N, C-alpha and C. Protein backbone atom coordinates (compact mmCIF):
# COMPACT_ATOMS: atom_id res chain seq x y z
N MET A 1 11.57 -20.19 -6.73
CA MET A 1 10.02 -19.67 -5.92
C MET A 1 10.17 -18.56 -5.78
N ARG A 2 9.69 -18.15 -5.40
CA ARG A 2 9.39 -15.78 -5.33
C ARG A 2 8.10 -16.00 -4.68
N LEU A 3 8.19 -13.85 -3.74
CA LEU A 3 7.23 -13.60 -3.06
C LEU A 3 6.19 -13.56 -4.22
N LEU A 4 5.19 -13.87 -3.77
CA LEU A 4 3.89 -13.74 -4.44
C LEU A 4 3.04 -12.22 -4.21
N HIS A 5 2.80 -12.34 -3.20
CA HIS A 5 2.04 -11.55 -2.35
C HIS A 5 1.89 -10.59 -0.72
N THR A 6 1.83 -9.85 -0.63
CA THR A 6 1.84 -9.70 0.88
C THR A 6 0.08 -8.73 1.22
N MET A 7 -0.52 -9.60 2.32
CA MET A 7 -1.77 -9.51 2.27
C MET A 7 -1.44 -7.88 3.65
N LEU A 8 -2.56 -7.47 3.41
CA LEU A 8 -2.80 -6.50 5.14
C LEU A 8 -4.37 -5.66 4.93
N ARG A 9 -5.19 -6.03 5.97
CA ARG A 9 -6.04 -6.36 6.05
C ARG A 9 -6.55 -4.54 6.16
N VAL A 10 -7.90 -4.32 5.70
CA VAL A 10 -8.35 -3.07 5.33
C VAL A 10 -9.17 -3.11 6.25
N GLY A 11 -9.81 -1.67 6.54
CA GLY A 11 -10.72 -1.06 7.60
C GLY A 11 -11.78 -0.77 6.23
N ASN A 12 -11.60 0.33 5.60
CA ASN A 12 -12.04 0.87 4.10
C ASN A 12 -11.73 0.57 3.29
N LEU A 13 -12.59 -0.93 1.86
CA LEU A 13 -11.31 -1.41 0.73
C LEU A 13 -11.56 -0.43 -0.45
N GLU A 14 -12.16 0.44 -0.53
CA GLU A 14 -12.76 1.57 -1.27
C GLU A 14 -11.98 2.54 -1.36
N ASP A 15 -11.18 3.39 0.04
CA ASP A 15 -10.47 4.45 0.72
C ASP A 15 -8.98 3.40 0.40
N SER A 16 -8.78 2.69 0.63
CA SER A 16 -6.99 1.48 0.78
C SER A 16 -6.67 1.65 -0.97
N LEU A 17 -7.63 0.99 -1.93
CA LEU A 17 -7.84 0.90 -3.00
C LEU A 17 -7.85 2.37 -3.76
N GLN A 18 -8.75 3.81 -3.11
CA GLN A 18 -8.04 4.81 -3.97
C GLN A 18 -6.83 5.28 -3.31
N PHE A 19 -6.43 4.77 -2.05
CA PHE A 19 -4.30 5.33 -1.85
C PHE A 19 -4.08 5.05 -2.94
N TYR A 20 -3.68 3.47 -2.92
CA TYR A 20 -3.18 2.51 -3.73
C TYR A 20 -2.75 3.15 -5.65
N CYS A 21 -4.58 2.98 -5.73
CA CYS A 21 -4.25 3.49 -7.04
C CYS A 21 -4.19 5.03 -6.97
N ASP A 22 -4.76 5.73 -7.05
CA ASP A 22 -4.93 6.49 -7.95
C ASP A 22 -4.24 8.09 -6.87
N ILE A 23 -3.22 7.25 -5.85
CA ILE A 23 -1.75 7.85 -5.01
C ILE A 23 -0.89 7.37 -5.54
N LEU A 24 -0.45 6.35 -5.40
CA LEU A 24 0.77 5.23 -5.69
C LEU A 24 0.49 4.40 -6.78
N GLY A 25 -0.43 5.10 -8.05
CA GLY A 25 -0.13 4.73 -9.25
C GLY A 25 -0.30 3.11 -9.80
N MET A 26 -1.08 1.38 -8.51
CA MET A 26 -1.30 0.75 -7.85
C MET A 26 -2.21 0.60 -9.48
N LYS A 27 -2.40 -0.84 -10.12
CA LYS A 27 -3.41 -1.24 -10.74
C LYS A 27 -4.40 -2.31 -10.01
N LEU A 28 -5.54 -1.90 -9.84
CA LEU A 28 -6.03 -3.22 -9.57
C LEU A 28 -6.14 -4.34 -10.51
N LEU A 29 -5.61 -5.82 -9.85
CA LEU A 29 -5.50 -6.69 -10.35
C LEU A 29 -6.83 -7.61 -10.41
N ARG A 30 -7.33 -7.70 -9.08
CA ARG A 30 -8.80 -8.66 -9.03
C ARG A 30 -9.50 -8.32 -7.82
N ARG A 31 -10.44 -8.29 -7.87
CA ARG A 31 -11.05 -8.44 -6.59
C ARG A 31 -11.83 -9.26 -7.04
N LYS A 32 -12.24 -10.08 -5.60
CA LYS A 32 -13.06 -11.22 -5.23
C LYS A 32 -14.23 -11.09 -4.02
N ASP A 33 -15.02 -10.92 -3.86
CA ASP A 33 -16.22 -11.83 -2.37
C ASP A 33 -16.40 -12.27 -1.67
N TYR A 34 -16.26 -13.30 -0.82
CA TYR A 34 -16.92 -14.67 -0.13
C TYR A 34 -17.60 -14.30 0.93
N PRO A 35 -18.79 -13.91 0.33
CA PRO A 35 -20.11 -13.76 1.21
C PRO A 35 -20.43 -15.36 2.43
N GLY A 36 -19.67 -15.82 1.85
CA GLY A 36 -19.48 -17.01 3.02
C GLY A 36 -18.41 -16.78 4.72
N GLY A 37 -17.64 -16.28 3.67
CA GLY A 37 -16.55 -15.93 5.00
C GLY A 37 -17.04 -14.29 5.51
N GLU A 38 -18.18 -13.60 4.34
CA GLU A 38 -16.93 -11.78 5.44
C GLU A 38 -16.34 -11.44 4.87
N PHE A 39 -15.46 -11.39 3.74
CA PHE A 39 -14.39 -10.92 3.89
C PHE A 39 -14.83 -10.39 2.11
N THR A 40 -13.89 -9.53 1.68
CA THR A 40 -13.62 -9.14 0.02
C THR A 40 -11.27 -9.25 0.07
N LEU A 41 -11.79 -9.38 -0.63
CA LEU A 41 -9.71 -9.87 -1.53
C LEU A 41 -9.87 -9.03 -2.96
N ALA A 42 -8.99 -8.13 -2.55
CA ALA A 42 -8.75 -7.24 -3.49
C ALA A 42 -7.01 -7.17 -3.92
N PHE A 43 -6.66 -7.59 -4.77
CA PHE A 43 -5.01 -7.98 -5.77
C PHE A 43 -4.76 -6.75 -6.09
N VAL A 44 -3.88 -5.70 -5.38
CA VAL A 44 -2.75 -4.82 -6.99
C VAL A 44 -1.68 -4.67 -6.61
N GLY A 45 -1.05 -3.94 -7.56
CA GLY A 45 0.32 -4.38 -7.83
C GLY A 45 0.93 -3.55 -9.31
N TYR A 46 1.76 -2.86 -9.66
CA TYR A 46 2.23 -2.59 -10.82
C TYR A 46 2.49 -3.86 -11.77
N GLY A 47 2.48 -4.73 -11.81
CA GLY A 47 2.47 -5.60 -12.94
C GLY A 47 1.79 -6.78 -12.60
N ASP A 48 1.46 -7.38 -13.38
CA ASP A 48 0.82 -8.82 -13.22
C ASP A 48 1.38 -9.22 -12.73
N GLU A 49 0.22 -10.73 -11.60
CA GLU A 49 0.78 -10.88 -10.70
C GLU A 49 2.07 -12.22 -10.98
N SER A 50 1.39 -12.80 -12.38
CA SER A 50 2.49 -13.98 -13.18
C SER A 50 3.51 -12.91 -12.67
N ASP A 51 3.85 -11.69 -12.99
CA ASP A 51 5.44 -11.79 -12.68
C ASP A 51 5.66 -10.86 -11.60
N HIS A 52 4.93 -10.78 -11.10
CA HIS A 52 5.23 -9.38 -9.87
C HIS A 52 4.76 -9.74 -8.57
N THR A 53 5.43 -9.54 -7.90
CA THR A 53 4.62 -8.82 -6.38
C THR A 53 3.90 -7.92 -5.61
N VAL A 54 2.01 -8.53 -5.43
CA VAL A 54 1.40 -7.46 -5.20
C VAL A 54 0.38 -6.95 -3.79
N LEU A 55 0.30 -6.73 -4.15
CA LEU A 55 -0.40 -6.71 -2.70
C LEU A 55 -1.85 -7.10 -1.92
N GLU A 56 -1.90 -7.84 -1.47
CA GLU A 56 -3.67 -8.49 -1.08
C GLU A 56 -4.31 -7.13 -0.20
N LEU A 57 -5.35 -6.51 -0.14
CA LEU A 57 -5.68 -6.04 0.62
C LEU A 57 -6.77 -6.76 1.05
N THR A 58 -6.82 -7.31 2.09
CA THR A 58 -8.48 -7.75 2.85
C THR A 58 -9.23 -6.98 2.99
N HIS A 59 -10.73 -6.64 3.38
CA HIS A 59 -11.26 -6.32 4.05
C HIS A 59 -12.47 -7.15 4.50
N ASN A 60 -12.69 -7.46 5.40
CA ASN A 60 -13.70 -8.06 6.52
C ASN A 60 -14.63 -7.27 7.29
N TRP A 61 -15.50 -7.98 6.65
CA TRP A 61 -16.70 -7.34 6.36
C TRP A 61 -17.19 -6.91 7.92
N GLY A 62 -17.91 -5.29 8.32
CA GLY A 62 -17.98 -5.05 9.88
C GLY A 62 -16.45 -4.99 10.68
N VAL A 63 -15.65 -4.69 10.09
CA VAL A 63 -14.03 -4.04 10.48
C VAL A 63 -13.71 -3.24 9.98
N GLU A 64 -13.66 -1.91 10.96
CA GLU A 64 -13.33 -1.20 10.25
C GLU A 64 -11.22 -0.87 11.52
N THR A 65 -11.19 -1.18 11.97
CA THR A 65 -9.92 -0.73 12.44
C THR A 65 -9.48 -1.76 13.09
N TYR A 66 -8.39 -1.79 12.84
CA TYR A 66 -7.02 -2.94 13.36
C TYR A 66 -6.17 -2.48 14.69
N ASP A 67 -4.72 -3.25 15.08
CA ASP A 67 -4.01 -3.08 15.81
C ASP A 67 -3.57 -3.06 15.07
N LEU A 68 -2.09 -2.21 15.04
CA LEU A 68 -0.96 -2.17 14.05
C LEU A 68 0.24 -2.80 15.10
N GLY A 69 0.16 -3.90 15.38
CA GLY A 69 2.12 -4.25 15.68
C GLY A 69 3.23 -3.81 16.01
N THR A 70 4.41 -3.70 16.73
CA THR A 70 4.96 -2.83 16.59
C THR A 70 6.87 -3.82 16.07
N ALA A 71 5.48 -4.72 14.85
CA ALA A 71 7.26 -5.25 14.10
C ALA A 71 7.16 -5.07 12.36
N TYR A 72 5.33 -4.75 12.39
CA TYR A 72 5.66 -3.81 11.04
C TYR A 72 6.03 -2.73 10.36
N GLY A 73 6.99 -2.66 9.29
CA GLY A 73 7.63 -1.74 9.34
C GLY A 73 6.71 -0.63 8.37
N HIS A 74 7.72 -0.69 6.96
CA HIS A 74 6.90 -0.69 5.40
C HIS A 74 6.54 -1.37 4.50
N ILE A 75 6.11 -1.00 3.15
CA ILE A 75 6.21 -1.51 1.94
C ILE A 75 7.14 -0.37 1.53
N ALA A 76 8.50 -1.06 0.69
CA ALA A 76 9.24 -0.40 -0.01
C ALA A 76 8.78 -0.63 -1.43
N LEU A 77 9.52 0.78 -1.81
CA LEU A 77 8.29 0.76 -3.79
C LEU A 77 9.87 1.39 -3.84
N GLY A 78 10.49 0.86 -4.85
CA GLY A 78 12.02 1.56 -5.68
C GLY A 78 11.33 2.43 -7.12
N VAL A 79 11.44 3.55 -7.08
CA VAL A 79 11.15 4.42 -8.38
C VAL A 79 12.20 5.21 -9.52
N ASP A 80 12.06 5.51 -9.96
CA ASP A 80 13.34 6.07 -10.52
C ASP A 80 14.07 7.83 -10.23
N ASP A 81 13.11 8.39 -10.08
CA ASP A 81 13.05 9.62 -9.53
C ASP A 81 12.37 10.26 -8.26
N ILE A 82 13.14 9.79 -7.13
CA ILE A 82 12.14 9.51 -5.59
C ILE A 82 11.24 11.46 -5.72
N TYR A 83 12.11 12.04 -6.07
CA TYR A 83 11.85 13.80 -5.53
C TYR A 83 10.80 13.86 -6.60
N ALA A 84 10.47 13.98 -7.70
CA ALA A 84 9.27 13.62 -8.36
C ALA A 84 8.38 13.33 -8.09
N THR A 85 8.66 11.90 -7.90
CA THR A 85 7.67 11.07 -7.36
C THR A 85 7.21 11.68 -6.23
N CYS A 86 7.56 11.79 -5.05
CA CYS A 86 6.78 12.10 -3.67
C CYS A 86 6.49 13.48 -4.09
N GLU A 87 6.08 14.42 -5.28
CA GLU A 87 6.13 15.35 -5.74
C GLU A 87 4.52 14.89 -6.59
N GLU A 88 4.62 14.41 -7.60
CA GLU A 88 3.17 13.41 -7.68
C GLU A 88 2.45 12.84 -6.80
N ILE A 89 2.87 12.33 -5.78
CA ILE A 89 2.11 11.61 -5.45
C ILE A 89 1.82 12.78 -4.68
N ARG A 90 2.13 14.07 -3.84
CA ARG A 90 1.14 14.85 -2.96
C ARG A 90 0.81 15.94 -3.58
N ASN A 91 0.65 15.90 -5.00
CA ASN A 91 -0.86 16.47 -6.41
C ASN A 91 -1.60 15.66 -6.54
N ARG A 92 -1.60 13.85 -6.26
CA ARG A 92 -2.66 13.52 -6.21
C ARG A 92 -3.65 13.20 -4.79
N GLY A 93 -2.55 14.23 -3.82
CA GLY A 93 -3.54 13.53 -2.69
C GLY A 93 -3.10 13.33 -1.57
N GLY A 94 -1.67 12.62 -1.70
CA GLY A 94 -0.98 11.84 -0.95
C GLY A 94 -0.36 12.01 0.01
N LYS A 95 0.10 11.86 1.38
CA LYS A 95 0.93 13.59 2.36
C LYS A 95 2.46 12.12 2.20
N VAL A 96 3.25 13.14 2.10
CA VAL A 96 4.59 13.10 2.19
C VAL A 96 5.01 13.28 3.72
N VAL A 97 5.56 11.72 4.62
CA VAL A 97 5.60 12.19 5.69
C VAL A 97 7.27 12.94 6.93
N ARG A 98 8.11 11.95 5.47
CA ARG A 98 9.81 12.16 5.41
C ARG A 98 10.08 12.59 4.07
N GLU A 99 10.75 13.94 3.82
CA GLU A 99 11.14 14.32 2.25
C GLU A 99 11.98 13.31 2.10
N PRO A 100 12.42 12.94 0.86
CA PRO A 100 13.61 12.52 0.04
C PRO A 100 14.64 12.70 0.95
N GLY A 101 15.63 12.01 1.21
CA GLY A 101 16.62 12.11 1.17
C GLY A 101 17.52 11.05 2.05
N PRO A 102 19.17 11.00 2.12
CA PRO A 102 19.50 9.87 2.87
C PRO A 102 19.38 9.18 4.01
N MET A 103 18.99 8.02 4.22
CA MET A 103 18.24 7.46 5.22
C MET A 103 19.69 7.73 6.27
N LYS A 104 19.16 7.19 7.60
CA LYS A 104 19.60 7.41 9.15
C LYS A 104 20.94 7.10 8.68
N HIS A 105 22.01 6.46 9.11
CA HIS A 105 22.81 5.91 9.42
C HIS A 105 23.36 5.57 7.52
N GLY A 106 23.54 5.59 6.55
CA GLY A 106 23.56 5.12 5.48
C GLY A 106 23.49 5.79 4.26
N SER A 107 23.39 5.56 3.17
CA SER A 107 23.85 6.88 1.94
C SER A 107 22.24 6.65 0.54
N THR A 108 21.24 5.78 0.41
CA THR A 108 20.20 5.11 0.30
C THR A 108 19.63 6.52 0.45
N VAL A 109 18.93 7.45 -1.03
CA VAL A 109 17.82 8.70 -0.44
C VAL A 109 16.50 7.46 -0.44
N ILE A 110 16.12 8.18 0.72
CA ILE A 110 14.56 7.71 1.09
C ILE A 110 13.53 8.55 1.13
N ALA A 111 12.62 8.05 1.40
CA ALA A 111 11.04 8.65 1.46
C ALA A 111 9.98 8.25 2.08
N PHE A 112 9.50 8.76 2.74
CA PHE A 112 7.92 7.88 3.36
C PHE A 112 6.65 8.61 2.88
N VAL A 113 5.67 8.00 2.33
CA VAL A 113 4.49 8.39 2.49
C VAL A 113 3.20 7.46 3.40
N GLU A 114 2.87 8.43 3.93
CA GLU A 114 1.83 7.97 4.64
C GLU A 114 -0.07 7.30 4.09
N ASP A 115 0.01 6.19 4.48
CA ASP A 115 -1.57 6.07 4.24
C ASP A 115 -2.85 6.15 5.17
N VAL A 116 -2.77 7.40 4.85
CA VAL A 116 -3.43 7.96 6.12
C VAL A 116 -5.29 7.46 6.77
N ARG A 117 -5.42 6.31 5.16
CA ARG A 117 -6.80 5.97 4.99
C ARG A 117 -6.34 4.61 6.21
N PHE A 118 -5.54 3.65 6.45
CA PHE A 118 -5.17 2.58 7.36
C PHE A 118 -5.36 2.80 8.67
N VAL A 119 -6.87 2.87 8.60
CA VAL A 119 -6.52 3.16 10.23
C VAL A 119 -6.23 2.06 11.53
N VAL A 120 -5.62 2.51 12.37
CA VAL A 120 -5.07 1.97 13.27
C VAL A 120 -5.38 2.00 14.54
N ARG A 121 -5.28 1.57 15.67
CA ARG A 121 -5.81 2.17 17.33
C ARG A 121 -3.90 2.58 18.10
């Protein structure tokens, strides 16, 4: 058994693809429109779905915003050099909202990047 994907609903699929692919460096693995259901699915990730966990970006046509519940936290990505990665994200137009450093009450070095295209109310 393994984790296949995590689904995120997005208000603007093109903007979300730009963030995940151009800023975070993921690849668009597949995309399909479902006219009968009025939605589009796009799967992005760092490797093929056969052996990597990916993100499913779901765009429901005509829906631009979603309420973000307090249960959602973040998506964690592992990198070799967090400082260089944050600098590269900035160079690509991304927004680092917590600079790299030890997590509170721990020693793991973390940083946070904001997906400014993920519109919530």
